[in-house]
């Protein structure tokens, strides 16, 4: 059942409000939930509580969490801002890595598939307000970007210097050069310049 019908069946909106929100969505784009909130037919908190109960999802307050860099960095900033999502936790169980991602609309299977393709993890949605996610993106990613600019420049400089090494030095530093190249690839992945699929094609 689609979100609008679920909300109507639960008595949270009526037919007029649903049709009005659908018309607004067709004209303005975006998600139905956002249209309902913009038109003040439902509050964001009520909508998220409803989704959490219906879909058996947890709610998170990203403002009260400390997200590790290796967690949020697995999703490029460009994609985080495009979809207004942010990874908040990661764990491995068996041979599968699970990524908990805060989002305001967990009803989009195409988005889940895209996030899994980008991160290489099994994505588990968690609910958070749109503003809460935007604030978290602004808080975490700029710091990462500043560090990345310095690391990227250093990695490129190291690789260029390795090209000038003597044959003997080249053999001795083969392993370290490979490490520097891997660091560069990791940075390009985090910046969204390369996708994991593109990296696999290069190998």
Foldseek 3Di string as FASTA:
>chain_A
DDPLVVCCVVVLAHPVLQVVLVVVCVVPPDDSVVSCCVVVSHPLVVSQVVCCVVVVAAADQVVPADADCVQQLLAALVLCVVQLKGWRDWDDDDHAIETEMEHADPPDVVSQVVVCQQNVHNYDYHYDDSVSSVVVSVVPVVVVVVVLVVLLVVLVVVLVVLVVDDPVVVVVCVVVNVVSVVSNVSSCSSNVVDGPVRVVVVD
